[in-house]
Amino acid sequence: MIFDCNTLTAAELYPLLAGTIVPRPIAWVSTVNELGQSNLAPFSFFQLVCDAPPTLMLSVNRKAGGGQKDTARNIAATGQLVVHLVSPADLALMNATAGDYASDVSEIEALQIATVPALKVKPPRLAHSLVSFECECVSLSAYPADVPACDLILAKVLCLHIDDSLLNSEGRIRHDQIDWLARLGGQWYCHTQHSDNLTLARPNQAAPRR
């Protein structure tokens, strides 16, 4: 079946796109507003886009009426955020932070989530997070410009926290210990630890042309 994107609404396209581009890592993002009040929310339109400088991409959908969500508004105001990766043990808590909280309510406080101060930015880090990225916003743009549906954020990583349990004696990642939640379509989730995971070396040279 062919779906012509020019003839479908965003509501019709979303389940087709979000249900096929999977799995998507989840960014659990803490921010603060101008008054220092914290916010915490999960997003699955998220990815690493550059390593020099280390840069993450986050897309925050607009509200139904076109207004910015708290996360995007806070980043626009302060230029700072902390991105946490989500372990399977955090599934229920992560989902709870996706609720429709009023702008003057902190999810961190409402759900009594333990935090610790970040080293380089004002938003707090989740105390139990195995991996978190302290970031500064280098670009925030409404997309598309004429009728924004989301805010596209590029965030430079200033500081990376990795739990010792995920590192070997040489300080390298123990890939067999990484287990993050990822988003599928609809209400489906998955996680990265799976018996079918495999290693594969890159070819030493390009395949010969035929």
C-alpha atoms as a PDB file:
ATOM      1  CA  MET A   1       0.000   0.000   0.000  1.00  0.00           C
ATOM      2  CA  ILE A   2       1.192   3.500  -0.819  1.00  0.00           C
ATOM      3  CA  PHE A   3       0.429   6.398   1.515  1.00  0.00           C
ATOM      4  CA  ASP A   4       0.576   9.844  -0.091  1.00  0.00           C
ATOM      5  CA  CYS A   5       1.709  12.152   2.701  1.00  0.00           C
ATOM      6  CA  ASN A   6       0.179  15.150   0.938  1.00  0.00           C
ATOM      7  CA  THR A   7      -3.300  13.686   1.315  1.00  0.00           C
ATOM      8  CA  LEU A   8      -3.084  12.555   4.960  1.00  0.00           C
ATOM      9  CA  THR A   9      -3.501  14.540   8.148  1.00  0.00           C
ATOM     10  CA  ALA A  10      -0.872  14.598  10.871  1.00  0.00           C
ATOM     11  CA  ALA A  11      -3.143  12.403  12.999  1.00  0.00           C
ATOM     12  CA  GLU A  12      -3.268   9.838  10.198  1.00  0.00           C
ATOM     13  CA  LEU A  13       0.461   9.997   9.498  1.00  0.00           C
ATOM     14  CA  TYR A  14       1.714   9.812  13.071  1.00  0.00           C
ATOM     15  CA  PRO A  15       0.880   6.127  13.747  1.00  0.00           C
ATOM     16  CA  LEU A  16       2.367   5.147  10.377  1.00  0.00           C
ATOM     17  CA  LEU A  17       5.633   7.003  10.998  1.00  0.00           C
ATOM     18  CA  ALA A  18       5.985   6.296  14.721  1.00  0.00           C
ATOM     19  CA  GLY A  19       4.990   2.667  14.179  1.00  0.00           C
ATOM     20  CA  THR A  20       7.601   1.989  11.505  1.00  0.00           C
ATOM     21  CA  ILE A  21      10.607   4.066  12.603  1.00  0.00           C
ATOM     22  CA  VAL A  22      11.368   1.868  15.599  1.00  0.00           C
ATOM     23  CA  PRO A  23      12.837   1.386  18.090  1.00  0.00           C
ATOM     24  CA  ARG A  24      13.406   4.978  19.167  1.00  0.00           C
ATOM     25  CA  PRO A  25      15.493   5.756  22.265  1.00  0.00           C
ATOM     26  CA  ILE A  26      13.737   7.738  24.962  1.00  0.00           C
ATOM     27  CA  ALA A  27      15.128  11.014  26.284  1.00  0.00           C
ATOM     28  CA  TRP A  28      13.910  11.736  29.811  1.00  0.00           C
ATOM     29  CA  VAL A  29      14.525  15.466  29.973  1.00  0.00           C
ATOM     30  CA  SER A  30      14.778  17.676  33.033  1.00  0.00           C
ATOM     31  CA  THR A  31      14.638  21.457  32.681  1.00  0.00           C
ATOM     32  CA  VAL A  32      13.947  24.473  34.864  1.00  0.00           C
ATOM     33  CA  ASN A  33      12.052  27.668  34.122  1.00  0.00           C
ATOM     34  CA  GLU A  34      13.227  31.222  34.824  1.00  0.00           C
ATOM     35  CA  LEU A  35      12.161  30.848  38.465  1.00  0.00           C
ATOM     36  CA  GLY A  36      14.086  27.600  38.915  1.00  0.00           C
ATOM     37  CA  GLN A  37      11.029  25.334  39.006  1.00  0.00           C
ATOM     38  CA  SER A  38      11.829  21.912  37.585  1.00  0.00           C
ATOM     39  CA  ASN A  39      10.112  19.944  34.840  1.00  0.00           C
ATOM     40  CA  LEU A  40      10.622  16.332  33.736  1.00  0.00           C
ATOM     41  CA  ALA A  41       9.179  14.720  30.602  1.00  0.00           C
ATOM     42  CA  PRO A  42       9.996  11.856  28.173  1.00  0.00           C
ATOM     43  CA  PHE A  43      10.437  12.206  24.406  1.00  0.00           C
ATOM     44  CA  SER A  44      11.127   9.568  21.766  1.00  0.00           C
ATOM     45  CA  PHE A  45      11.931  11.851  18.836  1.00  0.00           C
ATOM     46  CA  PHE A  46      15.546  11.886  20.013  1.00  0.00           C
ATOM     47  CA  GLN A  47      18.992  10.930  18.727  1.00  0.00           C
ATOM     48  CA  LEU A  48      22.762  11.547  18.721  1.00  0.00           C
ATOM     49  CA  VAL A  49      23.600  13.667  15.675  1.00  0.00           C
ATOM     50  CA  CYS A  50      27.274  14.624  16.078  1.00  0.00           C
ATOM     51  CA  ASP A  51      30.347  13.695  18.119  1.00  0.00           C
ATOM     52  CA  ALA A  52      32.489  16.772  17.397  1.00  0.00           C
ATOM     53  CA  PRO A  53      31.085  18.619  19.185  1.00  0.00           C
ATOM     54  CA  PRO A  54      28.969  16.009  21.000  1.00  0.00           C
ATOM     55  CA  THR A  55      25.414  16.977  20.109  1.00  0.00           C
ATOM     56  CA  LEU A  56      21.982  15.508  20.725  1.00  0.00           C
ATOM     57  CA  MET A  57      18.774  16.209  18.800  1.00  0.00           C
ATOM     58  CA  LEU A  58      15.414  16.453  20.513  1.00  0.00           C
ATOM     59  CA  SER A  59      12.065  17.166  18.888  1.00  0.00           C
ATOM     60  CA  VAL A  60       9.304  18.385  21.206  1.00  0.00           C
ATOM     61  CA  ASN A  61       5.845  18.342  19.654  1.00  0.00           C
ATOM     62  CA  ARG A  62       3.666  21.419  20.164  1.00  0.00           C
ATOM     63  CA  LYS A  63       0.432  21.305  22.140  1.00  0.00           C
ATOM     64  CA  ALA A  64      -2.851  20.837  20.303  1.00  0.00           C
ATOM     65  CA  GLY A  65      -3.395  24.602  20.174  1.00  0.00           C
ATOM     66  CA  GLY A  66       0.116  25.237  18.829  1.00  0.00           C
ATOM     67  CA  GLY A  67       1.713  26.410  22.070  1.00  0.00           C
ATOM     68  CA  GLN A  68       5.108  25.238  23.275  1.00  0.00           C
ATOM     69  CA  LYS A  69       5.335  22.457  25.833  1.00  0.00           C
ATOM     70  CA  ASP A  70       7.021  23.243  29.145  1.00  0.00           C
ATOM     71  CA  THR A  71      10.248  21.503  28.120  1.00  0.00           C
ATOM     72  CA  ALA A  72      10.715  23.575  24.968  1.00  0.00           C
ATOM     73  CA  ARG A  73       9.665  26.785  26.692  1.00  0.00           C
ATOM     74  CA  ASN A  74      12.105  26.189  29.552  1.00  0.00           C
ATOM     75  CA  ILE A  75      14.971  25.409  27.173  1.00  0.00           C
ATOM     76  CA  ALA A  76      14.203  28.554  25.186  1.00  0.00           C
ATOM     77  CA  ALA A  77      14.307  30.586  28.404  1.00  0.00           C
ATOM     78  CA  THR A  78      17.374  29.083  30.101  1.00  0.00           C
ATOM     79  CA  GLY A  79      19.293  27.269  27.345  1.00  0.00           C
ATOM     80  CA  GLN A  80      19.911  24.244  29.561  1.00  0.00           C
ATOM     81  CA  LEU A  81      18.694  20.657  29.927  1.00  0.00           C
ATOM     82  CA  VAL A  82      19.691  17.266  31.279  1.00  0.00           C
ATOM     83  CA  VAL A  83      18.887  14.197  29.180  1.00  0.00           C
ATOM     84  CA  HIS A  84      18.584  10.829  30.952  1.00  0.00           C
ATOM     85  CA  LEU A  85      18.343   7.412  29.331  1.00  0.00           C
ATOM     86  CA  VAL A  86      15.591   5.173  30.681  1.00  0.00           C
ATOM     87  CA  SER A  87      16.089   1.750  32.245  1.00  0.00           C
ATOM     88  CA  PRO A  88      13.260  -0.839  32.198  1.00  0.00           C
ATOM     89  CA  ALA A  89      12.895  -0.431  35.964  1.00  0.00           C
ATOM     90  CA  ASP A  90      11.815   3.172  35.328  1.00  0.00           C
ATOM     91  CA  LEU A  91       8.974   2.334  32.951  1.00  0.00           C
ATOM     92  CA  ALA A  92       6.094   3.217  35.298  1.00  0.00           C
ATOM     93  CA  LEU A  93       7.774   6.358  36.641  1.00  0.00           C
ATOM     94  CA  MET A  94       8.779   7.571  33.182  1.00  0.00           C
ATOM     95  CA  ASN A  95       5.208   7.044  31.966  1.00  0.00           C
ATOM     96  CA  ALA A  96       3.854   8.958  34.959  1.00  0.00           C
ATOM     97  CA  THR A  97       5.950  12.005  34.036  1.00  0.00           C
ATOM     98  CA  ALA A  98       4.249  12.039  30.631  1.00  0.00           C
ATOM     99  CA  GLY A  99       0.978  13.009  32.304  1.00  0.00           C
ATOM    100  CA  ASP A 100      -0.754  16.312  31.655  1.00  0.00           C
ATOM    101  CA  TYR A 101       0.601  18.365  34.540  1.00  0.00           C
ATOM    102  CA  ALA A 102      -0.081  22.071  34.858  1.00  0.00           C
ATOM    103  CA  SER A 103       2.829  24.336  33.972  1.00  0.00           C
ATOM    104  CA  ASP A 104       3.256  25.388  37.598  1.00  0.00           C
ATOM    105  CA  VAL A 105       3.544  21.782  38.824  1.00  0.00           C
ATOM    106  CA  SER A 106       6.907  20.015  38.979  1.00  0.00           C
ATOM    107  CA  GLU A 107       6.719  16.357  38.013  1.00  0.00           C
ATOM    108  CA  ILE A 108       9.844  15.756  40.070  1.00  0.00           C
ATOM    109  CA  GLU A 109       8.200  17.136  43.187  1.00  0.00           C
ATOM    110  CA  ALA A 110       4.753  15.671  42.525  1.00  0.00           C
ATOM    111  CA  LEU A 111       6.180  12.163  42.062  1.00  0.00           C
ATOM    112  CA  GLN A 112       8.858  12.614  44.748  1.00  0.00           C
ATOM    113  CA  ILE A 113      11.718  11.692  42.406  1.00  0.00           C
ATOM    114  CA  ALA A 114      15.158  11.912  44.012  1.00  0.00           C
ATOM    115  CA  THR A 115      17.588  14.255  42.266  1.00  0.00           C
ATOM    116  CA  VAL A 116      21.151  15.499  42.654  1.00  0.00           C
ATOM    117  CA  PRO A 117      22.633  18.806  41.459  1.00  0.00           C
ATOM    118  CA  ALA A 118      24.145  18.805  37.989  1.00  0.00           C
ATOM    119  CA  LEU A 119      27.748  19.939  37.638  1.00  0.00           C
ATOM    120  CA  LYS A 120      27.483  22.415  34.763  1.00  0.00           C
ATOM    121  CA  VAL A 121      23.787  23.294  34.356  1.00  0.00           C
ATOM    122  CA  LYS A 122      20.876  24.311  36.600  1.00  0.00           C
ATOM    123  CA  PRO A 123      18.351  21.508  35.835  1.00  0.00           C
ATOM    124  CA  PRO A 124      18.714  18.611  38.302  1.00  0.00           C
ATOM    125  CA  ARG A 125      19.888  15.109  37.477  1.00  0.00           C
ATOM    126  CA  LEU A 126      17.852  12.072  38.463  1.00  0.00           C
ATOM    127  CA  ALA A 127      19.786  10.446  41.291  1.00  0.00           C
ATOM    128  CA  HIS A 128      19.228   6.881  40.108  1.00  0.00           C
ATOM    129  CA  SER A 129      19.909   7.464  36.397  1.00  0.00           C
ATOM    130  CA  LEU A 130      22.588   5.186  34.930  1.00  0.00           C
ATOM    131  CA  VAL A 131      23.415   7.584  32.084  1.00  0.00           C
ATOM    132  CA  SER A 132      22.706  11.286  31.824  1.00  0.00           C
ATOM    133  CA  PHE A 133      23.906  14.152  29.633  1.00  0.00           C
ATOM    134  CA  GLU A 134      24.224  17.708  30.911  1.00  0.00           C
ATOM    135  CA  CYS A 135      23.586  19.932  27.910  1.00  0.00           C
ATOM    136  CA  GLU A 136      23.329  23.479  26.658  1.00  0.00           C
ATOM    137  CA  CYS A 137      21.000  24.379  23.816  1.00  0.00           C
ATOM    138  CA  VAL A 138      22.796  25.549  20.692  1.00  0.00           C
ATOM    139  CA  SER A 139      19.729  25.744  18.476  1.00  0.00           C
ATOM    140  CA  LEU A 140      15.964  25.804  19.003  1.00  0.00           C
ATOM    141  CA  SER A 141      13.743  26.329  15.997  1.00  0.00           C
ATOM    142  CA  ALA A 142      10.028  26.007  15.362  1.00  0.00           C
ATOM    143  CA  TYR A 143       9.238  23.551  12.561  1.00  0.00           C
ATOM    144  CA  PRO A 144       7.731  24.125  10.111  1.00  0.00           C
ATOM    145  CA  ALA A 145       8.242  27.857  10.441  1.00  0.00           C
ATOM    146  CA  ASP A 146       4.842  28.923   9.123  1.00  0.00           C
ATOM    147  CA  VAL A 147       2.664  26.627  11.276  1.00  0.00           C
ATOM    148  CA  PRO A 148       4.935  25.010  13.894  1.00  0.00           C
ATOM    149  CA  ALA A 149       4.158  21.418  14.855  1.00  0.00           C
ATOM    150  CA  CYS A 150       7.267  20.942  16.977  1.00  0.00           C
ATOM    151  CA  ASP A 151      10.387  22.575  18.345  1.00  0.00           C
ATOM    152  CA  LEU A 152      13.661  21.124  17.055  1.00  0.00           C
ATOM    153  CA  ILE A 153      16.446  21.353  19.606  1.00  0.00           C
ATOM    154  CA  LEU A 154      20.157  20.749  19.146  1.00  0.00           C
ATOM    155  CA  ALA A 155      21.888  20.348  22.495  1.00  0.00           C
ATOM    156  CA  LYS A 156      25.639  20.287  23.032  1.00  0.00           C
ATOM    157  CA  VAL A 157      26.741  17.775  25.670  1.00  0.00           C
ATOM    158  CA  LEU A 158      28.848  19.473  28.343  1.00  0.00           C
ATOM    159  CA  CYS A 159      29.177  16.571  30.749  1.00  0.00           C
ATOM    160  CA  LEU A 160      28.351  12.857  30.514  1.00  0.00           C
ATOM    161  CA  HIS A 161      27.567  10.722  33.568  1.00  0.00           C
ATOM    162  CA  ILE A 162      27.859   6.935  33.211  1.00  0.00           C
ATOM    163  CA  ASP A 163      27.310   4.542  36.099  1.00  0.00           C
ATOM    164  CA  ASP A 164      30.390   2.480  36.956  1.00  0.00           C
ATOM    165  CA  SER A 165      28.411  -0.739  36.458  1.00  0.00           C
ATOM    166  CA  LEU A 166      28.293  -0.002  32.719  1.00  0.00           C
ATOM    167  CA  LEU A 167      32.071   0.435  32.355  1.00  0.00           C
ATOM    168  CA  ASN A 168      34.896  -2.090  32.256  1.00  0.00           C
ATOM    169  CA  SER A 169      38.272  -1.671  33.948  1.00  0.00           C
ATOM    170  CA  GLU A 170      39.506   0.398  30.979  1.00  0.00           C
ATOM    171  CA  GLY A 171      36.574   2.806  31.170  1.00  0.00           C
ATOM    172  CA  ARG A 172      34.890   1.426  28.058  1.00  0.00           C
ATOM    173  CA  ILE A 173      31.206   0.639  27.735  1.00  0.00           C
ATOM    174  CA  ARG A 174      30.132  -2.889  28.651  1.00  0.00           C
ATOM    175  CA  HIS A 175      27.660  -3.231  25.805  1.00  0.00           C
ATOM    176  CA  ASP A 176      26.216  -6.455  27.168  1.00  0.00           C
ATOM    177  CA  GLN A 177      25.089  -4.541  30.282  1.00  0.00           C
ATOM    178  CA  ILE A 178      23.261  -1.749  28.460  1.00  0.00           C
ATOM    179  CA  ASP A 179      19.488  -2.111  28.699  1.00  0.00           C
ATOM    180  CA  TRP A 180      17.447   0.930  27.723  1.00  0.00           C
ATOM    181  CA  LEU A 181      13.753   1.289  27.137  1.00  0.00           C
ATOM    182  CA  ALA A 182      12.829   2.238  23.590  1.00  0.00           C
ATOM    183  CA  ARG A 183       9.595   3.385  21.997  1.00  0.00           C
ATOM    184  CA  LEU A 184       7.672   1.409  19.416  1.00  0.00           C
ATOM    185  CA  GLY A 185       4.330   2.330  17.875  1.00  0.00           C
ATOM    186  CA  GLY A 186       1.030   2.738  19.698  1.00  0.00           C
ATOM    187  CA  GLN A 187       1.421   1.788  23.356  1.00  0.00           C
ATOM    188  CA  TRP A 188       4.271  -0.634  22.649  1.00  0.00           C
ATOM    189  CA  TYR A 189       7.738  -0.457  24.179  1.00  0.00           C
ATOM    190  CA  CYS A 190      10.840  -2.634  23.958  1.00  0.00           C
ATOM    191  CA  HIS A 191      14.252  -2.745  25.584  1.00  0.00           C
ATOM    192  CA  THR A 192      17.721  -3.283  24.200  1.00  0.00           C
ATOM    193  CA  GLN A 193      18.750  -6.430  26.073  1.00  0.00           C
ATOM    194  CA  HIS A 194      17.740  -9.340  23.840  1.00  0.00           C
ATOM    195  CA  SER A 195      19.051 -12.843  23.242  1.00  0.00           C
ATOM    196  CA  ASP A 196      19.264 -12.151  19.497  1.00  0.00           C
ATOM    197  CA  ASN A 197      21.626  -9.177  19.877  1.00  0.00           C
ATOM    198  CA  LEU A 198      24.818  -9.719  17.889  1.00  0.00           C
ATOM    199  CA  THR A 199      28.162  -8.234  16.996  1.00  0.00           C
ATOM    200  CA  LEU A 200      29.262  -7.574  13.425  1.00  0.00           C
ATOM    201  CA  ALA A 201      32.578  -6.138  12.252  1.00  0.00           C
ATOM    202  CA  ARG A 202      32.609  -3.611   9.448  1.00  0.00           C
ATOM    203  CA  PRO A 203      34.115  -4.789   6.141  1.00  0.00           C
ATOM    204  CA  ASN A 204      37.787  -3.908   5.667  1.00  0.00           C
ATOM    205  CA  GLN A 205      37.239  -2.595   2.177  1.00  0.00           C
ATOM    206  CA  ALA A 206      34.430  -1.611  -0.116  1.00  0.00           C
ATOM    207  CA  ALA A 207      32.689  -4.377  -1.985  1.00  0.00           C
ATOM    208  CA  PRO A 208      33.866  -4.730  -5.595  1.00  0.00           C
ATOM    209  CA  ARG A 209      31.681  -3.096  -8.208  1.00  0.00           C
ATOM    210  CA  ARG A 210      29.832  -5.340 -10.601  1.00  0.00           C
END
